[in-house]
PDB file of N, CA and C in Angstrom:
ATOM      1  N   MET A   1     -45.580  27.244  -3.494  1.00  0.00           N
ATOM      2  CA  MET A   1     -44.738  26.538  -2.579  1.00  0.00           C
ATOM      3  C   MET A   1     -44.571  25.102  -3.083  1.00  0.00           C
ATOM      4  N   PHE A   2     -43.370  24.501  -2.800  1.00  0.00           N
ATOM      5  CA  PHE A   2     -43.074  23.145  -3.247  1.00  0.00           C
ATOM      6  C   PHE A   2     -43.711  22.123  -2.310  1.00  0.00           C
ATOM      7  N   PRO A   3     -44.197  21.034  -2.875  1.00  0.00           N
ATOM      8  CA  PRO A   3     -44.678  19.958  -2.010  1.00  0.00           C
ATOM      9  C   PRO A   3     -43.510  19.355  -1.220  1.00  0.00           C
ATOM     10  N   ALA A   4     -43.821  18.713  -0.109  1.00  0.00           N
ATOM     11  CA  ALA A   4     -42.793  18.147   0.769  1.00  0.00           C
ATOM     12  C   ALA A   4     -41.935  17.117   0.042  1.00  0.00           C
ATOM     13  N   PHE A   5     -42.526  16.335  -0.827  1.00  0.00           N
ATOM     14  CA  PHE A   5     -41.781  15.320  -1.567  1.00  0.00           C
ATOM     15  C   PHE A   5     -40.707  15.963  -2.441  1.00  0.00           C
ATOM     16  N   THR A   6     -41.052  17.021  -3.139  1.00  0.00           N
ATOM     17  CA  THR A   6     -40.116  17.709  -4.019  1.00  0.00           C
ATOM     18  C   THR A   6     -38.961  18.302  -3.218  1.00  0.00           C
ATOM     19  N   LEU A   7     -39.253  18.880  -2.071  1.00  0.00           N
ATOM     20  CA  LEU A   7     -38.194  19.435  -1.236  1.00  0.00           C
ATOM     21  C   LEU A   7     -37.248  18.350  -0.734  1.00  0.00           C
ATOM     22  N   SER A   8     -37.786  17.188  -0.371  1.00  0.00           N
ATOM     23  CA  SER A   8     -36.923  16.112   0.117  1.00  0.00           C
ATOM     24  C   SER A   8     -36.034  15.576  -1.002  1.00  0.00           C
ATOM     25  N   VAL A   9     -36.555  15.491  -2.219  1.00  0.00           N
ATOM     26  CA  VAL A   9     -35.750  15.034  -3.354  1.00  0.00           C
ATOM     27  C   VAL A   9     -34.636  16.028  -3.626  1.00  0.00           C
ATOM     28  N   ILE A  10     -34.936  17.309  -3.613  1.00  0.00           N
ATOM     29  CA  ILE A  10     -33.917  18.339  -3.832  1.00  0.00           C
ATOM     30  C   ILE A  10     -32.849  18.269  -2.752  1.00  0.00           C
ATOM     31  N   PHE A  11     -33.256  18.061  -1.506  1.00  0.00           N
ATOM     32  CA  PHE A  11     -32.307  17.973  -0.399  1.00  0.00           C
ATOM     33  C   PHE A  11     -31.363  16.792  -0.594  1.00  0.00           C
ATOM     34  N   PHE A  12     -31.904  15.611  -0.905  1.00  0.00           N
ATOM     35  CA  PHE A  12     -31.066  14.417  -1.042  1.00  0.00           C
ATOM     36  C   PHE A  12     -30.195  14.451  -2.289  1.00  0.00           C
ATOM     37  N   LEU A  13     -30.578  15.170  -3.300  1.00  0.00           N
ATOM     38  CA  LEU A  13     -29.734  15.317  -4.478  1.00  0.00           C
ATOM     39  C   LEU A  13     -28.638  16.346  -4.233  1.00  0.00           C
ATOM     40  N   ALA A  14     -28.910  17.361  -3.446  1.00  0.00           N
ATOM     41  CA  ALA A  14     -27.923  18.408  -3.190  1.00  0.00           C
ATOM     42  C   ALA A  14     -26.925  18.017  -2.114  1.00  0.00           C
ATOM     43  N   LEU A  15     -27.269  17.102  -1.218  1.00  0.00           N
ATOM     44  CA  LEU A  15     -26.397  16.725  -0.119  1.00  0.00           C
ATOM     45  C   LEU A  15     -25.072  16.129  -0.593  1.00  0.00           C
ATOM     46  N   PRO A  16     -25.051  15.134  -1.500  1.00  0.00           N
ATOM     47  CA  PRO A  16     -23.760  14.600  -1.946  1.00  0.00           C
ATOM     48  C   PRO A  16     -22.891  15.651  -2.618  1.00  0.00           C
ATOM     49  N   ALA A  17     -23.485  16.540  -3.385  1.00  0.00           N
ATOM     50  CA  ALA A  17     -22.712  17.592  -4.038  1.00  0.00           C
ATOM     51  C   ALA A  17     -22.088  18.525  -3.004  1.00  0.00           C
ATOM     52  N   ALA A  18     -22.811  18.840  -1.952  1.00  0.00           N
ATOM     53  CA  ALA A  18     -22.273  19.707  -0.902  1.00  0.00           C
ATOM     54  C   ALA A  18     -21.138  19.009  -0.157  1.00  0.00           C
ATOM     55  N   LEU A  19     -21.277  17.713   0.085  1.00  0.00           N
ATOM     56  CA  LEU A  19     -20.215  16.969   0.772  1.00  0.00           C
ATOM     57  C   LEU A  19     -18.969  16.855  -0.078  1.00  0.00           C
ATOM     58  N   LEU A  20     -19.138  16.626  -1.370  1.00  0.00           N
ATOM     59  CA  LEU A  20     -17.987  16.542  -2.259  1.00  0.00           C
ATOM     60  C   LEU A  20     -17.260  17.872  -2.368  1.00  0.00           C
ATOM     61  N   ALA A  21     -17.991  18.961  -2.320  1.00  0.00           N
ATOM     62  CA  ALA A  21     -17.388  20.282  -2.426  1.00  0.00           C
ATOM     63  C   ALA A  21     -16.535  20.609  -1.212  1.00  0.00           C
ATOM     64  N   GLN A  22     -16.811  19.985  -0.061  1.00  0.00           N
ATOM     65  CA  GLN A  22     -16.063  20.260   1.154  1.00  0.00           C
ATOM     66  C   GLN A  22     -14.763  19.487   1.234  1.00  0.00           C
ATOM     67  N   GLN A  23     -14.598  18.401   0.471  1.00  0.00           N
ATOM     68  CA  GLN A  23     -13.392  17.591   0.541  1.00  0.00           C
ATOM     69  C   GLN A  23     -12.251  18.271  -0.199  1.00  0.00           C
ATOM     70  N   PRO A  24     -11.042  18.259   0.382  1.00  0.00           N
ATOM     71  CA  PRO A  24      -9.906  18.861  -0.309  1.00  0.00           C
ATOM     72  C   PRO A  24      -9.529  18.021  -1.517  1.00  0.00           C
ATOM     73  N   PRO A  25      -8.973  18.628  -2.544  1.00  0.00           N
ATOM     74  CA  PRO A  25      -8.593  17.866  -3.725  1.00  0.00           C
ATOM     75  C   PRO A  25      -7.425  16.932  -3.410  1.00  0.00           C
ATOM     76  N   ALA A  26      -7.362  15.811  -4.122  1.00  0.00           N
ATOM     77  CA  ALA A  26      -6.266  14.853  -3.929  1.00  0.00           C
ATOM     78  C   ALA A  26      -4.972  15.454  -4.460  1.00  0.00           C
ATOM     79  N   PRO A  27      -3.842  15.176  -3.787  1.00  0.00           N
ATOM     80  CA  PRO A  27      -2.571  15.722  -4.267  1.00  0.00           C
ATOM     81  C   PRO A  27      -2.167  15.046  -5.562  1.00  0.00           C
ATOM     82  N   PRO A  28      -1.418  15.745  -6.408  1.00  0.00           N
ATOM     83  CA  PRO A  28      -0.951  15.129  -7.648  1.00  0.00           C
ATOM     84  C   PRO A  28      -0.029  13.958  -7.347  1.00  0.00           C
ATOM     85  N   ALA A  29       0.113  13.038  -8.298  1.00  0.00           N
ATOM     86  CA  ALA A  29       0.922  11.836  -8.080  1.00  0.00           C
ATOM     87  C   ALA A  29       2.382  12.185  -7.798  1.00  0.00           C
ATOM     88  N   ALA A  30       2.923  13.166  -8.478  1.00  0.00           N
ATOM     89  CA  ALA A  30       4.322  13.535  -8.259  1.00  0.00           C
ATOM     90  C   ALA A  30       4.533  14.086  -6.855  1.00  0.00           C
ATOM     91  N   ALA A  31       3.599  14.852  -6.364  1.00  0.00           N
ATOM     92  CA  ALA A  31       3.732  15.427  -5.025  1.00  0.00           C
ATOM     93  C   ALA A  31       3.622  14.346  -3.967  1.00  0.00           C
ATOM     94  N   SER A  32       2.746  13.352  -4.159  1.00  0.00           N
ATOM     95  CA  SER A  32       2.609  12.292  -3.169  1.00  0.00           C
ATOM     96  C   SER A  32       3.837  11.392  -3.161  1.00  0.00           C
ATOM     97  N   ALA A  33       4.457  11.153  -4.321  1.00  0.00           N
ATOM     98  CA  ALA A  33       5.669  10.343  -4.359  1.00  0.00           C
ATOM     99  C   ALA A  33       6.822  11.084  -3.700  1.00  0.00           C
ATOM    100  N   ALA A  34       6.870  12.400  -3.872  1.00  0.00           N
ATOM    101  CA  ALA A  34       7.923  13.193  -3.255  1.00  0.00           C
ATOM    102  C   ALA A  34       7.737  13.278  -1.749  1.00  0.00           C
ATOM    103  N   ALA A  35       6.508  13.101  -1.264  1.00  0.00           N
ATOM    104  CA  ALA A  35       6.228  13.201   0.160  1.00  0.00           C
ATOM    105  C   ALA A  35       6.644  11.945   0.908  1.00  0.00           C
ATOM    106  N   GLY A  36       7.198  10.934   0.219  1.00  0.00           N
ATOM    107  CA  GLY A  36       7.682   9.749   0.886  1.00  0.00           C
ATOM    108  C   GLY A  36       6.753   8.550   0.792  1.00  0.00           C
ATOM    109  N   GLU A  37       5.668   8.668   0.068  1.00  0.00           N
ATOM    110  CA  GLU A  37       4.778   7.533  -0.094  1.00  0.00           C
ATOM    111  C   GLU A  37       5.420   6.523  -1.036  1.00  0.00           C
ATOM    112  N   ARG A  38       5.058   5.272  -0.845  1.00  0.00           N
ATOM    113  CA  ARG A  38       5.608   4.213  -1.674  1.00  0.00           C
ATOM    114  C   ARG A  38       4.644   3.897  -2.799  1.00  0.00           C
ATOM    115  N   SER A  39       5.202   3.630  -3.967  1.00  0.00           N
ATOM    116  CA  SER A  39       4.382   3.169  -5.082  1.00  0.00           C
ATOM    117  C   SER A  39       4.771   1.730  -5.361  1.00  0.00           C
ATOM    118  N   CYS A  40       3.782   0.851  -5.351  1.00  0.00           N
ATOM    119  CA  CYS A  40       4.043  -0.576  -5.472  1.00  0.00           C
ATOM    120  C   CYS A  40       3.862  -1.046  -6.907  1.00  0.00           C
ATOM    121  N   LEU A  41       4.592  -2.087  -7.260  1.00  0.00           N
ATOM    122  CA  LEU A  41       4.609  -2.614  -8.613  1.00  0.00           C
ATOM    123  C   LEU A  41       3.692  -3.827  -8.726  1.00  0.00           C
ATOM    124  N   ASN A  42       3.206  -4.071  -9.936  1.00  0.00           N
ATOM    125  CA  ASN A  42       2.417  -5.281 -10.170  1.00  0.00           C
ATOM    126  C   ASN A  42       3.372  -6.457 -10.383  1.00  0.00           C
ATOM    127  N   ALA A  43       2.843  -7.644 -10.590  1.00  0.00           N
ATOM    128  CA  ALA A  43       3.666  -8.856 -10.663  1.00  0.00           C
ATOM    129  C   ALA A  43       4.658  -8.817 -11.824  1.00  0.00           C
ATOM    130  N   ALA A  44       4.220  -8.383 -12.991  1.00  0.00           N
ATOM    131  CA  ALA A  44       5.106  -8.338 -14.153  1.00  0.00           C
ATOM    132  C   ALA A  44       6.239  -7.329 -13.945  1.00  0.00           C
ATOM    133  N   ASP A  45       5.905  -6.154 -13.413  1.00  0.00           N
ATOM    134  CA  ASP A  45       6.929  -5.147 -13.151  1.00  0.00           C
ATOM    135  C   ASP A  45       7.878  -5.595 -12.046  1.00  0.00           C
ATOM    136  N   THR A  46       7.368  -6.359 -11.081  1.00  0.00           N
ATOM    137  CA  THR A  46       8.218  -6.887 -10.017  1.00  0.00           C
ATOM    138  C   THR A  46       9.257  -7.831 -10.593  1.00  0.00           C
ATOM    139  N   ARG A  47       8.829  -8.748 -11.467  1.00  0.00           N
ATOM    140  CA  ARG A  47       9.780  -9.687 -12.076  1.00  0.00           C
ATOM    141  C   ARG A  47      10.859  -8.957 -12.850  1.00  0.00           C
ATOM    142  N   SER A  48      10.477  -7.948 -13.619  1.00  0.00           N
ATOM    143  CA  SER A  48      11.484  -7.231 -14.401  1.00  0.00           C
ATOM    144  C   SER A  48      12.397  -6.395 -13.502  1.00  0.00           C
ATOM    145  N   ALA A  49      11.871  -5.805 -12.426  1.00  0.00           N
ATOM    146  CA  ALA A  49      12.704  -5.014 -11.516  1.00  0.00           C
ATOM    147  C   ALA A  49      13.695  -5.902 -10.774  1.00  0.00           C
ATOM    148  N   VAL A  50      13.263  -7.100 -10.367  1.00  0.00           N
ATOM    149  CA  VAL A  50      14.168  -8.028  -9.685  1.00  0.00           C
ATOM    150  C   VAL A  50      15.310  -8.408 -10.619  1.00  0.00           C
ATOM    151  N   ALA A  51      14.999  -8.701 -11.874  1.00  0.00           N
ATOM    152  CA  ALA A  51      16.034  -9.077 -12.832  1.00  0.00           C
ATOM    153  C   ALA A  51      16.938  -7.890 -13.188  1.00  0.00           C
ATOM    154  N   ARG A  52      16.344  -6.735 -13.418  1.00  0.00           N
ATOM    155  CA  ARG A  52      17.098  -5.560 -13.851  1.00  0.00           C
ATOM    156  C   ARG A  52      18.010  -5.009 -12.761  1.00  0.00           C
ATOM    157  N   HIS A  53      17.545  -4.986 -11.511  1.00  0.00           N
ATOM    158  CA  HIS A  53      18.298  -4.355 -10.425  1.00  0.00           C
ATOM    159  C   HIS A  53      19.010  -5.357  -9.520  1.00  0.00           C
ATOM    160  N   GLY A  54      18.891  -6.647  -9.801  1.00  0.00           N
ATOM    161  CA  GLY A  54      19.551  -7.659  -8.992  1.00  0.00           C
ATOM    162  C   GLY A  54      19.030  -7.718  -7.566  1.00  0.00           C
ATOM    163  N   LEU A  55      17.720  -7.615  -7.414  1.00  0.00           N
ATOM    164  CA  LEU A  55      17.107  -7.619  -6.083  1.00  0.00           C
ATOM    165  C   LEU A  55      16.983  -9.040  -5.548  1.00  0.00           C
ATOM    166  N   VAL A  56      16.788  -9.149  -4.236  1.00  0.00           N
ATOM    167  CA  VAL A  56      16.569 -10.429  -3.574  1.00  0.00           C
ATOM    168  C   VAL A  56      15.276 -11.042  -4.104  1.00  0.00           C
ATOM    169  N   ASP A  57      15.287 -12.372  -4.285  1.00  0.00           N
ATOM    170  CA  ASP A  57      14.093 -13.077  -4.754  1.00  0.00           C
ATOM    171  C   ASP A  57      12.940 -12.839  -3.786  1.00  0.00           C
ATOM    172  N   PRO A  58      11.766 -12.426  -4.277  1.00  0.00           N
ATOM    173  CA  PRO A  58      10.657 -12.106  -3.373  1.00  0.00           C
ATOM    174  C   PRO A  58      10.193 -13.292  -2.528  1.00  0.00           C
ATOM    175  N   LEU A  59      10.174 -14.488  -3.099  1.00  0.00           N
ATOM    176  CA  LEU A  59       9.732 -15.654  -2.345  1.00  0.00           C
ATOM    177  C   LEU A  59      10.723 -15.987  -1.229  1.00  0.00           C
ATOM    178  N   ALA A  60      11.996 -15.898  -1.520  1.00  0.00           N
ATOM    179  CA  ALA A  60      13.016 -16.168  -0.498  1.00  0.00           C
ATOM    180  C   ALA A  60      12.946 -15.133   0.626  1.00  0.00           C
ATOM    181  N   ALA A  61      12.742 -13.866   0.263  1.00  0.00           N
ATOM    182  CA  ALA A  61      12.643 -12.813   1.282  1.00  0.00           C
ATOM    183  C   ALA A  61      11.400 -13.010   2.147  1.00  0.00           C
ATOM    184  N   LEU A  62      10.292 -13.410   1.524  1.00  0.00           N
ATOM    185  CA  LEU A  62       9.048 -13.643   2.269  1.00  0.00           C
ATOM    186  C   LEU A  62       9.204 -14.814   3.234  1.00  0.00           C
ATOM    187  N   ARG A  63       9.817 -15.886   2.769  1.00  0.00           N
ATOM    188  CA  ARG A  63      10.017 -17.057   3.638  1.00  0.00           C
ATOM    189  C   ARG A  63      10.955 -16.727   4.801  1.00  0.00           C
ATOM    190  N   ALA A  64      12.018 -15.973   4.525  1.00  0.00           N
ATOM    191  CA  ALA A  64      12.966 -15.607   5.582  1.00  0.00           C
ATOM    192  C   ALA A  64      12.300 -14.721   6.633  1.00  0.00           C
ATOM    193  N   ALA A  65      11.506 -13.756   6.190  1.00  0.00           N
ATOM    194  CA  ALA A  65      10.813 -12.865   7.129  1.00  0.00           C
ATOM    195  C   ALA A  65       9.798 -13.649   7.965  1.00  0.00           C
ATOM    196  N   ALA A  66       9.110 -14.596   7.339  1.00  0.00           N
ATOM    197  CA  ALA A  66       8.124 -15.407   8.061  1.00  0.00           C
ATOM    198  C   ALA A  66       8.814 -16.298   9.087  1.00  0.00           C
ATOM    199  N   ARG A  67       9.938 -16.879   8.704  1.00  0.00           N
ATOM    200  CA  ARG A  67      10.682 -17.731   9.626  1.00  0.00           C
ATOM    201  C   ARG A  67      11.201 -16.925  10.816  1.00  0.00           C
ATOM    202  N   LYS A  68      11.717 -15.726  10.533  1.00  0.00           N
ATOM    203  CA  LYS A  68      12.251 -14.859  11.591  1.00  0.00           C
ATOM    204  C   LYS A  68      11.158 -14.421  12.565  1.00  0.00           C
ATOM    205  N   ALA A  69       9.958 -14.159  12.068  1.00  0.00           N
ATOM    206  CA  ALA A  69       8.850 -13.696  12.907  1.00  0.00           C
ATOM    207  C   ALA A  69       8.026 -14.856  13.465  1.00  0.00           C
ATOM    208  N   GLN A  70       8.382 -16.079  13.105  1.00  0.00           N
ATOM    209  CA  GLN A  70       7.622 -17.261  13.493  1.00  0.00           C
ATOM    210  C   GLN A  70       6.148 -17.087  13.124  1.00  0.00           C
ATOM    211  N   ALA A  71       5.938 -16.802  11.849  1.00  0.00           N
ATOM    212  CA  ALA A  71       4.593 -16.530  11.342  1.00  0.00           C
ATOM    213  C   ALA A  71       4.433 -17.178   9.972  1.00  0.00           C
ATOM    214  N   ASP A  72       3.205 -17.210   9.500  1.00  0.00           N
ATOM    215  CA  ASP A  72       2.906 -17.735   8.170  1.00  0.00           C
ATOM    216  C   ASP A  72       2.873 -16.581   7.181  1.00  0.00           C
ATOM    217  N   PRO A  73       3.509 -16.751   6.014  1.00  0.00           N
ATOM    218  CA  PRO A  73       3.489 -15.679   5.020  1.00  0.00           C
ATOM    219  C   PRO A  73       2.123 -15.566   4.356  1.00  0.00           C
ATOM    220  N   LEU A  74       1.649 -14.331   4.194  1.00  0.00           N
ATOM    221  CA  LEU A  74       0.375 -14.103   3.512  1.00  0.00           C
ATOM    222  C   LEU A  74       0.563 -13.411   2.175  1.00  0.00           C
ATOM    223  N   ARG A  75       1.354 -12.318   2.169  1.00  0.00           N
ATOM    224  CA  ARG A  75       1.473 -11.524   0.939  1.00  0.00           C
ATOM    225  C   ARG A  75       2.784 -10.763   0.947  1.00  0.00           C
ATOM    226  N   SER A  76       3.286 -10.521  -0.249  1.00  0.00           N
ATOM    227  CA  SER A  76       4.480  -9.702  -0.414  1.00  0.00           C
ATOM    228  C   SER A  76       4.306  -8.882  -1.688  1.00  0.00           C
ATOM    229  N   ARG A  77       4.777  -7.646  -1.643  1.00  0.00           N
ATOM    230  CA  ARG A  77       4.759  -6.825  -2.850  1.00  0.00           C
ATOM    231  C   ARG A  77       5.985  -5.932  -2.852  1.00  0.00           C
ATOM    232  N   LEU A  78       6.475  -5.634  -4.039  1.00  0.00           N
ATOM    233  CA  LEU A  78       7.652  -4.800  -4.210  1.00  0.00           C
ATOM    234  C   LEU A  78       7.205  -3.364  -4.423  1.00  0.00           C
ATOM    235  N   CYS A  79       7.792  -2.460  -3.649  1.00  0.00           N
ATOM    236  CA  CYS A  79       7.425  -1.050  -3.738  1.00  0.00           C
ATOM    237  C   CYS A  79       8.682  -0.195  -3.907  1.00  0.00           C
ATOM    238  N   ARG A  80       8.524   0.888  -4.634  1.00  0.00           N
ATOM    239  CA  ARG A  80       9.608   1.869  -4.739  1.00  0.00           C
ATOM    240  C   ARG A  80       9.565   2.736  -3.489  1.00  0.00           C
ATOM    241  N   SER A  81      10.736   2.948  -2.910  1.00  0.00           N
ATOM    242  CA  SER A  81      10.841   3.794  -1.725  1.00  0.00           C
ATOM    243  C   SER A  81      12.063   4.675  -1.908  1.00  0.00           C
ATOM    244  N   GLY A  82      11.812   5.919  -2.265  1.00  0.00           N
ATOM    245  CA  GLY A  82      12.936   6.816  -2.534  1.00  0.00           C
ATOM    246  C   GLY A  82      13.683   6.342  -3.769  1.00  0.00           C
ATOM    247  N   ASP A  83      14.989   6.106  -3.606  1.00  0.00           N
ATOM    248  CA  ASP A  83      15.806   5.636  -4.726  1.00  0.00           C
ATOM    249  C   ASP A  83      15.913   4.114  -4.783  1.00  0.00           C
ATOM    250  N   GLY A  84      15.381   3.415  -3.773  1.00  0.00           N
ATOM    251  CA  GLY A  84      15.519   1.972  -3.705  1.00  0.00           C
ATOM    252  C   GLY A  84      14.192   1.254  -3.776  1.00  0.00           C
ATOM    253  N   PHE A  85      14.250  -0.035  -3.446  1.00  0.00           N
ATOM    254  CA  PHE A  85      13.066  -0.879  -3.465  1.00  0.00           C
ATOM    255  C   PHE A  85      12.900  -1.549  -2.104  1.00  0.00           C
ATOM    256  N   VAL A  86      11.651  -1.760  -1.714  1.00  0.00           N
ATOM    257  CA  VAL A  86      11.313  -2.376  -0.435  1.00  0.00           C
ATOM    258  C   VAL A  86      10.217  -3.403  -0.676  1.00  0.00           C
ATOM    259  N   TYR A  87      10.359  -4.565  -0.032  1.00  0.00           N
ATOM    260  CA  TYR A  87       9.277  -5.532  -0.028  1.00  0.00           C
ATOM    261  C   TYR A  87       8.383  -5.227   1.171  1.00  0.00           C
ATOM    262  N   GLU A  88       7.105  -5.042   0.934  1.00  0.00           N
ATOM    263  CA  GLU A  88       6.137  -4.897   2.020  1.00  0.00           C
ATOM    264  C   GLU A  88       5.457  -6.243   2.168  1.00  0.00           C
ATOM    265  N   MET A  89       5.592  -6.821   3.358  1.00  0.00           N
ATOM    266  CA  MET A  89       5.098  -8.173   3.592  1.00  0.00           C
ATOM    267  C   MET A  89       4.056  -8.194   4.690  1.00  0.00           C
ATOM    268  N   VAL A  90       3.116  -9.104   4.539  1.00  0.00           N
ATOM    269  CA  VAL A  90       2.080  -9.313   5.549  1.00  0.00           C
ATOM    270  C   VAL A  90       2.215 -10.749   6.021  1.00  0.00           C
ATOM    271  N   LEU A  91       2.335 -10.908   7.342  1.00  0.00           N
ATOM    272  CA  LEU A  91       2.524 -12.219   7.956  1.00  0.00           C
ATOM    273  C   LEU A  91       1.430 -12.446   8.992  1.00  0.00           C
ATOM    274  N   LEU A  92       1.106 -13.697   9.241  1.00  0.00           N
ATOM    275  CA  LEU A  92       0.083 -14.048  10.226  1.00  0.00           C
ATOM    276  C   LEU A  92       0.703 -14.952  11.279  1.00  0.00           C
ATOM    277  N   ARG A  93       0.730 -14.459  12.532  1.00  0.00           N
ATOM    278  CA  ARG A  93       1.243 -15.273  13.628  1.00  0.00           C
ATOM    279  C   ARG A  93       0.191 -16.288  14.049  1.00  0.00           C
ATOM    280  N   ARG A  94       0.621 -17.290  14.773  1.00  0.00           N
ATOM    281  CA  ARG A  94      -0.286 -18.354  15.208  1.00  0.00           C
ATOM    282  C   ARG A  94      -1.340 -17.852  16.185  1.00  0.00           C
ATOM    283  N   ASP A  95      -1.042 -16.747  16.890  1.00  0.00           N
ATOM    284  CA  ASP A  95      -2.028 -16.191  17.823  1.00  0.00           C
ATOM    285  C   ASP A  95      -3.061 -15.318  17.114  1.00  0.00           C
ATOM    286  N   GLY A  96      -2.957 -15.208  15.782  1.00  0.00           N
ATOM    287  CA  GLY A  96      -3.926 -14.459  15.004  1.00  0.00           C
ATOM    288  C   GLY A  96      -3.524 -13.027  14.710  1.00  0.00           C
ATOM    289  N   LYS A  97      -2.396 -12.577  15.231  1.00  0.00           N
ATOM    290  CA  LYS A  97      -1.956 -11.198  14.997  1.00  0.00           C
ATOM    291  C   LYS A  97      -1.350 -11.084  13.605  1.00  0.00           C
ATOM    292  N   VAL A  98      -1.741 -10.037  12.896  1.00  0.00           N
ATOM    293  CA  VAL A  98      -1.217  -9.767  11.568  1.00  0.00           C
ATOM    294  C   VAL A  98      -0.024  -8.820  11.709  1.00  0.00           C
ATOM    295  N   LEU A  99       1.095  -9.198  11.109  1.00  0.00           N
ATOM    296  CA  LEU A  99       2.308  -8.387  11.153  1.00  0.00           C
ATOM    297  C   LEU A  99       2.570  -7.790   9.782  1.00  0.00           C
ATOM    298  N   ARG A 100       2.995  -6.558   9.766  1.00  0.00           N
ATOM    299  CA  ARG A 100       3.416  -5.904   8.529  1.00  0.00           C
ATOM    300  C   ARG A 100       4.907  -5.634   8.654  1.00  0.00           C
ATOM    301  N   VAL A 101       5.669  -6.179   7.710  1.00  0.00           N
ATOM    302  CA  VAL A 101       7.120  -6.117   7.771  1.00  0.00           C
ATOM    303  C   VAL A 101       7.625  -5.507   6.473  1.00  0.00           C
ATOM    304  N   SER A 102       8.633  -4.637   6.599  1.00  0.00           N
ATOM    305  CA  SER A 102       9.300  -4.068   5.426  1.00  0.00           C
ATOM    306  C   SER A 102      10.706  -4.637   5.347  1.00  0.00           C
ATOM    307  N   VAL A 103      11.083  -5.086   4.156  1.00  0.00           N
ATOM    308  CA  VAL A 103      12.393  -5.694   3.938  1.00  0.00           C
ATOM    309  C   VAL A 103      13.067  -4.963   2.785  1.00  0.00           C
ATOM    310  N   ASP A 104      14.332  -4.590   2.990  1.00  0.00           N
ATOM    311  CA  ASP A 104      15.108  -3.948   1.932  1.00  0.00           C
ATOM    312  C   ASP A 104      15.301  -4.971   0.817  1.00  0.00           C
ATOM    313  N   ALA A 105      14.835  -4.656  -0.391  1.00  0.00           N
ATOM    314  CA  ALA A 105      14.881  -5.604  -1.486  1.00  0.00           C
ATOM    315  C   ALA A 105      16.293  -5.786  -2.027  1.00  0.00           C
ATOM    316  N   ALA A 106      17.205  -4.879  -1.748  1.00  0.00           N
ATOM    317  CA  ALA A 106      18.565  -4.992  -2.254  1.00  0.00           C
ATOM    318  C   ALA A 106      19.380  -6.012  -1.456  1.00  0.00           C
ATOM    319  N   ASN A 107      19.166  -6.067  -0.125  1.00  0.00           N
ATOM    320  CA  ASN A 107      20.002  -6.945   0.701  1.00  0.00           C
ATOM    321  C   ASN A 107      19.213  -7.920   1.571  1.00  0.00           C
ATOM    322  N   GLY A 108      17.906  -7.826   1.626  1.00  0.00           N
ATOM    323  CA  GLY A 108      17.086  -8.750   2.395  1.00  0.00           C
ATOM    324  C   GLY A 108      16.991  -8.452   3.887  1.00  0.00           C
ATOM    325  N   GLN A 109      17.514  -7.311   4.325  1.00  0.00           N
ATOM    326  CA  GLN A 109      17.478  -6.947   5.748  1.00  0.00           C
ATOM    327  C   GLN A 109      16.128  -6.343   6.110  1.00  0.00           C
ATOM    328  N   THR A 110      15.618  -6.737   7.291  1.00  0.00           N
ATOM    329  CA  THR A 110      14.363  -6.186   7.791  1.00  0.00           C
ATOM    330  C   THR A 110      14.576  -4.740   8.200  1.00  0.00           C
ATOM    331  N   LEU A 111      13.665  -3.873   7.790  1.00  0.00           N
ATOM    332  CA  LEU A 111      13.752  -2.455   8.103  1.00  0.00           C
ATOM    333  C   LEU A 111      12.941  -2.144   9.355  1.00  0.00           C
ATOM    334  N   ALA A 112      13.394  -1.177  10.116  1.00  0.00           N
ATOM    335  CA  ALA A 112      12.655  -0.745  11.314  1.00  0.00           C
ATOM    336  C   ALA A 112      11.401  -0.020  10.883  1.00  0.00           C
ATOM    337  N   ARG A 113      10.290  -0.288  11.565  1.00  0.00           N
ATOM    338  CA  ARG A 113       9.035   0.392  11.283  1.00  0.00           C
ATOM    339  C   ARG A 113       9.053   1.756  11.951  1.00  0.00           C
ATOM    340  N   PRO A 114       8.603   2.815  11.244  1.00  0.00           N
ATOM    341  CA  PRO A 114       8.588   4.153  11.856  1.00  0.00           C
ATOM    342  C   PRO A 114       7.536   4.262  12.944  1.00  0.00           C
TER     343      PRO A 114
END
C-alpha cells in the first residue's frame, strides 16, 4: 500500500491534468473571426491601415468621442470588424464610470452597442 504522502502527491499531480482534459478545445482563428469577433491591430499596423484605407485619425476620433460623452479618453485601438474597421475606445467619466465606445473608423460615427 502507498504511504499517505505519495497518494497526496499523485492526487495533486493528476488534478490539473483532469481539469485540462475537461475543457473544450479553443476554436481555430479562422472560425472565431468568422463568428463576428474583432481582431485588433498593433500600433504599427494601425498607422499603415489608417494611411492605406483613408481612415479617420485615431486621436481625433478619440477626442471627439470623449467630448461627446463628457469623459476623459483612456485608450483607443483599431480593430477589424467584418469588411471594415472600428475604433474600440475606453473613456472615463468624472463619476468614475468606465465607458466602452465603438466608432466607425471610416466616417467617425459612434456605433450602437449590441
